[in-house]
Amino acid sequence: MNKLPATIAAAILAATSFSTLAATQVSTEQSQNLQQMGTVSVTGVTGSLDDATAQLAQKAEEMGASHYRVIRADTPGDSSLWSGNAEIYR
C-alpha cells in the first residue's frame, strides 16, 4: 500500500486555504504562531481527499477552531473511503 501520493496531496492541500470554510487551513509554518486546541479525525469518508479535508474543516469549525492543519489523510488500498486527522488552532 503506497501512501506517498495521499501524503503529497495532503501537504499540497495544507498549503491552500479555502475561503468558503469558516476554519482556515494553514501550513506547518503558519501554525507555529497559533494556539493548538487539539485534534479532530474522520473515518469512512466516501469520495476524494477533498471530501475528507472538507469534513475535517467542518469538525474543526464545530470545535470552535479558527484554523486547522491536516496531519494525516489516507485511504486503504484501492478503497474510496478516506480517513484523516487534523490539528486545530485558535
PDB file of N, CA and C in Angstrom:
ATOM      1  N   MET A   1       0.850  -1.172   0.000  1.00  0.00           N
ATOM      2  CA  MET A   1       0.000   0.000   0.000  1.00  0.00           C
ATOM      3  C   MET A   1       0.899   1.240   0.000  1.00  0.00           C
ATOM      4  N   ASN A   2       0.792   2.058  -1.014  1.00  0.00           N
ATOM      5  CA  ASN A   2       1.612   3.239  -1.157  1.00  0.00           C
ATOM      6  C   ASN A   2       0.830   4.461  -0.691  1.00  0.00           C
ATOM      7  N   LYS A   3       1.262   5.071   0.394  1.00  0.00           N
ATOM      8  CA  LYS A   3       0.586   6.239   0.950  1.00  0.00           C
ATOM      9  C   LYS A   3       1.224   7.541   0.510  1.00  0.00           C
ATOM     10  N   LEU A   4       2.299   7.472  -0.251  1.00  0.00           N
ATOM     11  CA  LEU A   4       3.014   8.665  -0.669  1.00  0.00           C
ATOM     12  C   LEU A   4       2.131   9.633  -1.453  1.00  0.00           C
ATOM     13  N   PRO A   5       1.349   9.201  -2.464  1.00  0.00           N
ATOM     14  CA  PRO A   5       0.509  10.162  -3.188  1.00  0.00           C
ATOM     15  C   PRO A   5      -0.494  10.876  -2.272  1.00  0.00           C
ATOM     16  N   ALA A   6      -1.090  10.163  -1.329  1.00  0.00           N
ATOM     17  CA  ALA A   6      -2.045  10.795  -0.409  1.00  0.00           C
ATOM     18  C   ALA A   6      -1.331  11.778   0.500  1.00  0.00           C
ATOM     19  N   THR A   7      -0.126  11.441   0.939  1.00  0.00           N
ATOM     20  CA  THR A   7       0.645  12.330   1.799  1.00  0.00           C
ATOM     21  C   THR A   7       1.032  13.598   1.049  1.00  0.00           C
ATOM     22  N   ILE A   8       1.443  13.446  -0.185  1.00  0.00           N
ATOM     23  CA  ILE A   8       1.796  14.607  -1.005  1.00  0.00           C
ATOM     24  C   ILE A   8       0.570  15.477  -1.239  1.00  0.00           C
ATOM     25  N   ALA A   9      -0.550  14.854  -1.547  1.00  0.00           N
ATOM     26  CA  ALA A   9      -1.787  15.610  -1.757  1.00  0.00           C
ATOM     27  C   ALA A   9      -2.193  16.352  -0.494  1.00  0.00           C
ATOM     28  N   ALA A  10      -2.049  15.713   0.660  1.00  0.00           N
ATOM     29  CA  ALA A  10      -2.389  16.363   1.926  1.00  0.00           C
ATOM     30  C   ALA A  10      -1.486  17.560   2.173  1.00  0.00           C
ATOM     31  N   ALA A  11      -0.208  17.428   1.836  1.00  0.00           N
ATOM     32  CA  ALA A  11       0.725  18.541   2.016  1.00  0.00           C
ATOM     33  C   ALA A  11       0.363  19.711   1.111  1.00  0.00           C
ATOM     34  N   ILE A  12      -0.034  19.410  -0.112  1.00  0.00           N
ATOM     35  CA  ILE A  12      -0.440  20.466  -1.037  1.00  0.00           C
ATOM     36  C   ILE A  12      -1.691  21.156  -0.516  1.00  0.00           C
ATOM     37  N   LEU A  13      -2.645  20.363  -0.058  1.00  0.00           N
ATOM     38  CA  LEU A  13      -3.860  20.953   0.488  1.00  0.00           C
ATOM     39  C   LEU A  13      -3.587  21.762   1.744  1.00  0.00           C
ATOM     40  N   ALA A  14      -2.608  21.355   2.523  1.00  0.00           N
ATOM     41  CA  ALA A  14      -2.272  22.086   3.742  1.00  0.00           C
ATOM     42  C   ALA A  14      -1.758  23.486   3.426  1.00  0.00           C
ATOM     43  N   ALA A  15      -1.215  23.667   2.255  1.00  0.00           N
ATOM     44  CA  ALA A  15      -0.693  24.973   1.858  1.00  0.00           C
ATOM     45  C   ALA A  15      -1.762  25.852   1.221  1.00  0.00           C
ATOM     46  N   THR A  16      -2.958  25.322   1.059  1.00  0.00           N
ATOM     47  CA  THR A  16      -4.043  26.030   0.401  1.00  0.00           C
ATOM     48  C   THR A  16      -5.111  26.380   1.416  1.00  0.00           C
ATOM     49  N   SER A  17      -5.655  27.574   1.344  1.00  0.00           N
ATOM     50  CA  SER A  17      -6.760  27.924   2.230  1.00  0.00           C
ATOM     51  C   SER A  17      -8.048  27.969   1.423  1.00  0.00           C
ATOM     52  N   PHE A  18      -9.132  27.650   2.088  1.00  0.00           N
ATOM     53  CA  PHE A  18     -10.435  27.639   1.436  1.00  0.00           C
ATOM     54  C   PHE A  18     -11.289  28.736   2.056  1.00  0.00           C
ATOM     55  N   SER A  19     -11.576  29.793   1.307  1.00  0.00           N
ATOM     56  CA  SER A  19     -12.312  30.930   1.832  1.00  0.00           C
ATOM     57  C   SER A  19     -13.765  30.596   2.134  1.00  0.00           C
ATOM     58  N   THR A  20     -14.292  29.497   1.606  1.00  0.00           N
ATOM     59  CA  THR A  20     -15.680  29.149   1.857  1.00  0.00           C
ATOM     60  C   THR A  20     -15.861  28.440   3.192  1.00  0.00           C
ATOM     61  N   LEU A  21     -14.770  28.064   3.834  1.00  0.00           N
ATOM     62  CA  LEU A  21     -14.852  27.383   5.117  1.00  0.00           C
ATOM     63  C   LEU A  21     -14.566  28.373   6.233  1.00  0.00           C
ATOM     64  N   ALA A  22     -15.284  28.247   7.345  1.00  0.00           N
ATOM     65  CA  ALA A  22     -15.058  29.148   8.470  1.00  0.00           C
ATOM     66  C   ALA A  22     -13.698  28.899   9.103  1.00  0.00           C
ATOM     67  N   ALA A  23     -13.304  27.639   9.232  1.00  0.00           N
ATOM     68  CA  ALA A  23     -11.969  27.320   9.739  1.00  0.00           C
ATOM     69  C   ALA A  23     -11.026  27.310   8.544  1.00  0.00           C
ATOM     70  N   THR A  24      -9.945  28.042   8.650  1.00  0.00           N
ATOM     71  CA  THR A  24      -9.000  28.195   7.549  1.00  0.00           C
ATOM     72  C   THR A  24      -7.874  27.181   7.668  1.00  0.00           C
ATOM     73  N   GLN A  25      -7.565  26.517   6.581  1.00  0.00           N
ATOM     74  CA  GLN A  25      -6.464  25.561   6.564  1.00  0.00           C
ATOM     75  C   GLN A  25      -5.151  26.322   6.534  1.00  0.00           C
ATOM     76  N   VAL A  26      -4.166  25.849   7.329  1.00  0.00           N
ATOM     77  CA  VAL A  26      -2.864  26.508   7.402  1.00  0.00           C
ATOM     78  C   VAL A  26      -1.740  25.500   7.168  1.00  0.00           C
ATOM     79  N   SER A  27      -0.592  26.030   6.835  1.00  0.00           N
ATOM     80  CA  SER A  27       0.602  25.196   6.656  1.00  0.00           C
ATOM     81  C   SER A  27       1.273  24.987   8.014  1.00  0.00           C
ATOM     82  N   THR A  28       2.279  24.128   8.042  1.00  0.00           N
ATOM     83  CA  THR A  28       3.040  23.901   9.264  1.00  0.00           C
ATOM     84  C   THR A  28       3.657  25.206   9.754  1.00  0.00           C
ATOM     85  N   GLU A  29       4.231  25.971   8.853  1.00  0.00           N
ATOM     86  CA  GLU A  29       4.863  27.238   9.223  1.00  0.00           C
ATOM     87  C   GLU A  29       3.838  28.214   9.794  1.00  0.00           C
ATOM     88  N   GLN A  30       2.680  28.317   9.168  1.00  0.00           N
ATOM     89  CA  GLN A  30       1.651  29.236   9.645  1.00  0.00           C
ATOM     90  C   GLN A  30       1.111  28.819  11.009  1.00  0.00           C
ATOM     91  N   SER A  31       1.094  27.534  11.289  1.00  0.00           N
ATOM     92  CA  SER A  31       0.544  27.052  12.552  1.00  0.00           C
ATOM     93  C   SER A  31       1.442  27.373  13.745  1.00  0.00           C
ATOM     94  N   GLN A  32       2.701  27.705  13.502  1.00  0.00           N
ATOM     95  CA  GLN A  32       3.645  27.975  14.590  1.00  0.00           C
ATOM     96  C   GLN A  32       3.206  29.146  15.467  1.00  0.00           C
ATOM     97  N   ASN A  33       2.470  30.088  14.919  1.00  0.00           N
ATOM     98  CA  ASN A  33       2.043  31.273  15.656  1.00  0.00           C
ATOM     99  C   ASN A  33       0.627  31.145  16.218  1.00  0.00           C
ATOM    100  N   LEU A  34       0.056  29.952  16.158  1.00  0.00           N
ATOM    101  CA  LEU A  34      -1.310  29.743  16.631  1.00  0.00           C
ATOM    102  C   LEU A  34      -1.324  28.864  17.872  1.00  0.00           C
ATOM    103  N   GLN A  35      -2.386  28.978  18.663  1.00  0.00           N
ATOM    104  CA  GLN A  35      -2.524  28.160  19.869  1.00  0.00           C
ATOM    105  C   GLN A  35      -3.266  26.876  19.517  1.00  0.00           C
ATOM    106  N   GLN A  36      -2.610  25.744  19.731  1.00  0.00           N
ATOM    107  CA  GLN A  36      -3.225  24.459  19.412  1.00  0.00           C
ATOM    108  C   GLN A  36      -4.319  24.134  20.423  1.00  0.00           C
ATOM    109  N   MET A  37      -5.457  23.622  19.911  1.00  0.00           N
ATOM    110  CA  MET A  37      -6.598  23.252  20.746  1.00  0.00           C
ATOM    111  C   MET A  37      -6.735  21.742  20.888  1.00  0.00           C
ATOM    112  N   GLY A  38      -6.150  20.986  19.988  1.00  0.00           N
ATOM    113  CA  GLY A  38      -6.305  19.538  19.988  1.00  0.00           C
ATOM    114  C   GLY A  38      -6.326  19.019  18.572  1.00  0.00           C
ATOM    115  N   THR A  39      -7.026  17.894  18.381  1.00  0.00           N
ATOM    116  CA  THR A  39      -7.119  17.292  17.046  1.00  0.00           C
ATOM    117  C   THR A  39      -8.543  16.869  16.767  1.00  0.00           C
ATOM    118  N   VAL A  40      -8.843  16.709  15.497  1.00  0.00           N
ATOM    119  CA  VAL A  40     -10.100  16.125  15.035  1.00  0.00           C
ATOM    120  C   VAL A  40      -9.759  15.021  14.048  1.00  0.00           C
ATOM    121  N   SER A  41     -10.669  14.081  13.877  1.00  0.00           N
ATOM    122  CA  SER A  41     -10.422  12.992  12.932  1.00  0.00           C
ATOM    123  C   SER A  41     -11.707  12.601  12.234  1.00  0.00           C
ATOM    124  N   VAL A  42     -11.538  11.988  11.084  1.00  0.00           N
ATOM    125  CA  VAL A  42     -12.661  11.442  10.317  1.00  0.00           C
ATOM    126  C   VAL A  42     -12.269  10.059   9.826  1.00  0.00           C
ATOM    127  N   THR A  43     -13.254   9.200   9.658  1.00  0.00           N
ATOM    128  CA  THR A  43     -13.043   7.871   9.089  1.00  0.00           C
ATOM    129  C   THR A  43     -14.214   7.531   8.190  1.00  0.00           C
ATOM    130  N   GLY A  44     -13.949   6.698   7.204  1.00  0.00           N
ATOM    131  CA  GLY A  44     -15.009   6.220   6.322  1.00  0.00           C
ATOM    132  C   GLY A  44     -15.645   7.283   5.460  1.00  0.00           C
ATOM    133  N   VAL A  45     -14.884   8.298   5.075  1.00  0.00           N
ATOM    134  CA  VAL A  45     -15.407   9.377   4.234  1.00  0.00           C
ATOM    135  C   VAL A  45     -15.406   8.908   2.787  1.00  0.00           C
ATOM    136  N   THR A  46     -16.562   8.849   2.184  1.00  0.00           N
ATOM    137  CA  THR A  46     -16.689   8.441   0.789  1.00  0.00           C
ATOM    138  C   THR A  46     -16.291   9.581  -0.126  1.00  0.00           C
ATOM    139  N   GLY A  47     -15.545   9.279  -1.169  1.00  0.00           N
ATOM    140  CA  GLY A  47     -15.202  10.281  -2.167  1.00  0.00           C
ATOM    141  C   GLY A  47     -13.719  10.457  -2.330  1.00  0.00           C
ATOM    142  N   SER A  48     -13.284  11.708  -2.224  1.00  0.00           N
ATOM    143  CA  SER A  48     -11.897  12.067  -2.524  1.00  0.00           C
ATOM    144  C   SER A  48     -11.222  12.680  -1.301  1.00  0.00           C
ATOM    145  N   LEU A  49      -9.951  12.999  -1.473  1.00  0.00           N
ATOM    146  CA  LEU A  49      -9.208  13.694  -0.436  1.00  0.00           C
ATOM    147  C   LEU A  49      -9.871  15.026  -0.103  1.00  0.00           C
ATOM    148  N   ASP A  50     -10.395  15.698  -1.110  1.00  0.00           N
ATOM    149  CA  ASP A  50     -11.104  16.963  -0.873  1.00  0.00           C
ATOM    150  C   ASP A  50     -12.298  16.767   0.053  1.00  0.00           C
ATOM    151  N   ASP A  51     -13.018  15.660  -0.107  1.00  0.00           N
ATOM    152  CA  ASP A  51     -14.174  15.376   0.751  1.00  0.00           C
ATOM    153  C   ASP A  51     -13.730  15.149   2.192  1.00  0.00           C
ATOM    154  N   ALA A  52     -12.644  14.409   2.377  1.00  0.00           N
ATOM    155  CA  ALA A  52     -12.123  14.169   3.723  1.00  0.00           C
ATOM    156  C   ALA A  52     -11.654  15.472   4.360  1.00  0.00           C
ATOM    157  N   THR A  53     -10.963  16.307   3.582  1.00  0.00           N
ATOM    158  CA  THR A  53     -10.489  17.593   4.088  1.00  0.00           C
ATOM    159  C   THR A  53     -11.661  18.489   4.467  1.00  0.00           C
ATOM    160  N   ALA A  54     -12.713  18.491   3.665  1.00  0.00           N
ATOM    161  CA  ALA A  54     -13.896  19.299   3.978  1.00  0.00           C
ATOM    162  C   ALA A  54     -14.535  18.846   5.289  1.00  0.00           C
ATOM    163  N   GLN A  55     -14.570  17.545   5.526  1.00  0.00           N
ATOM    164  CA  GLN A  55     -15.142  17.052   6.780  1.00  0.00           C
ATOM    165  C   GLN A  55     -14.250  17.394   7.967  1.00  0.00           C
ATOM    166  N   LEU A  56     -12.935  17.366   7.778  1.00  0.00           N
ATOM    167  CA  LEU A  56     -12.034  17.798   8.842  1.00  0.00           C
ATOM    168  C   LEU A  56     -12.253  19.281   9.156  1.00  0.00           C
ATOM    169  N   ALA A  57     -12.420  20.090   8.122  1.00  0.00           N
ATOM    170  CA  ALA A  57     -12.677  21.516   8.312  1.00  0.00           C
ATOM    171  C   ALA A  57     -13.982  21.742   9.068  1.00  0.00           C
ATOM    172  N   GLN A  58     -15.008  20.970   8.720  1.00  0.00           N
ATOM    173  CA  GLN A  58     -16.297  21.097   9.399  1.00  0.00           C
ATOM    174  C   GLN A  58     -16.168  20.741  10.878  1.00  0.00           C
ATOM    175  N   LYS A  59     -15.454  19.662  11.175  1.00  0.00           N
ATOM    176  CA  LYS A  59     -15.246  19.272  12.572  1.00  0.00           C
ATOM    177  C   LYS A  59     -14.449  20.333  13.326  1.00  0.00           C
ATOM    178  N   ALA A  60     -13.450  20.914  12.667  1.00  0.00           N
ATOM    179  CA  ALA A  60     -12.668  21.977  13.294  1.00  0.00           C
ATOM    180  C   ALA A  60     -13.572  23.151  13.652  1.00  0.00           C
ATOM    181  N   GLU A  61     -14.433  23.528  12.725  1.00  0.00           N
ATOM    182  CA  GLU A  61     -15.365  24.632  12.961  1.00  0.00           C
ATOM    183  C   GLU A  61     -16.305  24.304  14.118  1.00  0.00           C
ATOM    184  N   GLU A  62     -16.816  23.077  14.148  1.00  0.00           N
ATOM    185  CA  GLU A  62     -17.723  22.668  15.224  1.00  0.00           C
ATOM    186  C   GLU A  62     -17.048  22.728  16.596  1.00  0.00           C
ATOM    187  N   MET A  63     -15.741  22.531  16.629  1.00  0.00           N
ATOM    188  CA  MET A  63     -14.989  22.586  17.883  1.00  0.00           C
ATOM    189  C   MET A  63     -14.584  24.024  18.252  1.00  0.00           C
ATOM    190  N   GLY A  64     -14.944  24.978  17.393  1.00  0.00           N
ATOM    191  CA  GLY A  64     -14.643  26.374  17.666  1.00  0.00           C
ATOM    192  C   GLY A  64     -13.281  26.829  17.186  1.00  0.00           C
ATOM    193  N   ALA A  65     -12.648  26.038  16.331  1.00  0.00           N
ATOM    194  CA  ALA A  65     -11.321  26.392  15.819  1.00  0.00           C
ATOM    195  C   ALA A  65     -11.432  27.414  14.694  1.00  0.00           C
ATOM    196  N   SER A  66     -10.440  28.292  14.636  1.00  0.00           N
ATOM    197  CA  SER A  66     -10.383  29.241  13.525  1.00  0.00           C
ATOM    198  C   SER A  66      -9.483  28.730  12.411  1.00  0.00           C
ATOM    199  N   HIS A  67      -8.598  27.775  12.752  1.00  0.00           N
ATOM    200  CA  HIS A  67      -7.653  27.226  11.788  1.00  0.00           C
ATOM    201  C   HIS A  67      -7.479  25.732  12.022  1.00  0.00           C
ATOM    202  N   TYR A  68      -7.033  25.029  10.991  1.00  0.00           N
ATOM    203  CA  TYR A  68      -6.714  23.609  11.111  1.00  0.00           C
ATOM    204  C   TYR A  68      -5.579  23.263  10.152  1.00  0.00           C
ATOM    205  N   ARG A  69      -4.884  22.160  10.482  1.00  0.00           N
ATOM    206  CA  ARG A  69      -3.791  21.684   9.625  1.00  0.00           C
ATOM    207  C   ARG A  69      -3.911  20.173   9.498  1.00  0.00           C
ATOM    208  N   VAL A  70      -4.068  19.691   8.275  1.00  0.00           N
ATOM    209  CA  VAL A  70      -4.172  18.255   8.030  1.00  0.00           C
ATOM    210  C   VAL A  70      -2.817  17.629   8.347  1.00  0.00           C
ATOM    211  N   ILE A  71      -2.829  16.628   9.241  1.00  0.00           N
ATOM    212  CA  ILE A  71      -1.576  15.961   9.601  1.00  0.00           C
ATOM    213  C   ILE A  71      -1.518  14.535   9.067  1.00  0.00           C
ATOM    214  N   ARG A  72      -2.682  14.001   8.649  1.00  0.00           N
ATOM    215  CA  ARG A  72      -2.703  12.670   8.048  1.00  0.00           C
ATOM    216  C   ARG A  72      -3.984  12.536   7.238  1.00  0.00           C
ATOM    217  N   ALA A  73      -3.852  11.964   6.058  1.00  0.00           N
ATOM    218  CA  ALA A  73      -5.006  11.631   5.224  1.00  0.00           C
ATOM    219  C   ALA A  73      -4.621  10.449   4.352  1.00  0.00           C
ATOM    220  N   ASP A  74      -5.425   9.403   4.401  1.00  0.00           N
ATOM    221  CA  ASP A  74      -5.125   8.250   3.559  1.00  0.00           C
ATOM    222  C   ASP A  74      -6.367   7.416   3.315  1.00  0.00           C
ATOM    223  N   THR A  75      -6.210   6.497   2.398  1.00  0.00           N
ATOM    224  CA  THR A  75      -7.259   5.560   2.046  1.00  0.00           C
ATOM    225  C   THR A  75      -6.593   4.197   1.867  1.00  0.00           C
ATOM    226  N   PRO A  76      -7.171   3.155   2.472  1.00  0.00           N
ATOM    227  CA  PRO A  76      -6.523   1.844   2.361  1.00  0.00           C
ATOM    228  C   PRO A  76      -6.666   1.248   0.960  1.00  0.00           C
ATOM    229  N   GLY A  77      -5.541   0.910   0.365  1.00  0.00           N
ATOM    230  CA  GLY A  77      -5.552   0.246  -0.936  1.00  0.00           C
ATOM    231  C   GLY A  77      -6.290   1.016  -1.997  1.00  0.00           C
ATOM    232  N   ASP A  78      -7.218   0.345  -2.660  1.00  0.00           N
ATOM    233  CA  ASP A  78      -7.978   0.984  -3.729  1.00  0.00           C
ATOM    234  C   ASP A  78      -9.348   1.458  -3.245  1.00  0.00           C
ATOM    235  N   SER A  79      -9.534   1.541  -1.947  1.00  0.00           N
ATOM    236  CA  SER A  79     -10.799   1.983  -1.363  1.00  0.00           C
ATOM    237  C   SER A  79     -11.032   3.462  -1.641  1.00  0.00           C
ATOM    238  N   SER A  80     -12.286   3.849  -1.686  1.00  0.00           N
ATOM    239  CA  SER A  80     -12.615   5.274  -1.804  1.00  0.00           C
ATOM    240  C   SER A  80     -13.052   5.831  -0.458  1.00  0.00           C
ATOM    241  N   LEU A  81     -12.823   5.082   0.619  1.00  0.00           N
ATOM    242  CA  LEU A  81     -13.151   5.543   1.963  1.00  0.00           C
ATOM    243  C   LEU A  81     -11.910   6.141   2.609  1.00  0.00           C
ATOM    244  N   TRP A  82     -11.970   7.427   2.884  1.00  0.00           N
ATOM    245  CA  TRP A  82     -10.841   8.174   3.422  1.00  0.00           C
ATOM    246  C   TRP A  82     -10.917   8.291   4.933  1.00  0.00           C
ATOM    247  N   SER A  83      -9.757   8.416   5.550  1.00  0.00           N
ATOM    248  CA  SER A  83      -9.663   8.775   6.961  1.00  0.00           C
ATOM    249  C   SER A  83      -8.569   9.818   7.091  1.00  0.00           C
ATOM    250  N   GLY A  84      -8.614  10.570   8.170  1.00  0.00           N
ATOM    251  CA  GLY A  84      -7.599  11.583   8.359  1.00  0.00           C
ATOM    252  C   GLY A  84      -7.684  12.254   9.708  1.00  0.00           C
ATOM    253  N   ASN A  85      -6.640  13.019  10.008  1.00  0.00           N
ATOM    254  CA  ASN A  85      -6.546  13.768  11.249  1.00  0.00           C
ATOM    255  C   ASN A  85      -6.080  15.176  10.940  1.00  0.00           C
ATOM    256  N   ALA A  86      -6.506  16.116  11.780  1.00  0.00           N
ATOM    257  CA  ALA A  86      -6.051  17.487  11.654  1.00  0.00           C
ATOM    258  C   ALA A  86      -5.846  18.068  13.043  1.00  0.00           C
ATOM    259  N   GLU A  87      -4.804  18.871  13.194  1.00  0.00           N
ATOM    260  CA  GLU A  87      -4.631  19.662  14.405  1.00  0.00           C
ATOM    261  C   GLU A  87      -5.505  20.888  14.251  1.00  0.00           C
ATOM    262  N   ILE A  88      -6.105  21.333  15.348  1.00  0.00           N
ATOM    263  CA  ILE A  88      -6.958  22.520  15.292  1.00  0.00           C
ATOM    264  C   ILE A  88      -6.374  23.595  16.188  1.00  0.00           C
ATOM    265  N   TYR A  89      -6.616  24.851  15.788  1.00  0.00           N
ATOM    266  CA  TYR A  89      -5.990  26.011  16.432  1.00  0.00           C
ATOM    267  C   TYR A  89      -7.007  27.121  16.664  1.00  0.00           C
ATOM    268  N   ARG A  90      -6.687  27.954  17.665  1.00  0.00           N
ATOM    269  CA  ARG A  90      -7.460  29.182  17.928  1.00  0.00           C
ATOM    270  C   ARG A  90      -6.895  30.280  17.089  1.00  0.00           C
TER     271      ARG A  90
END
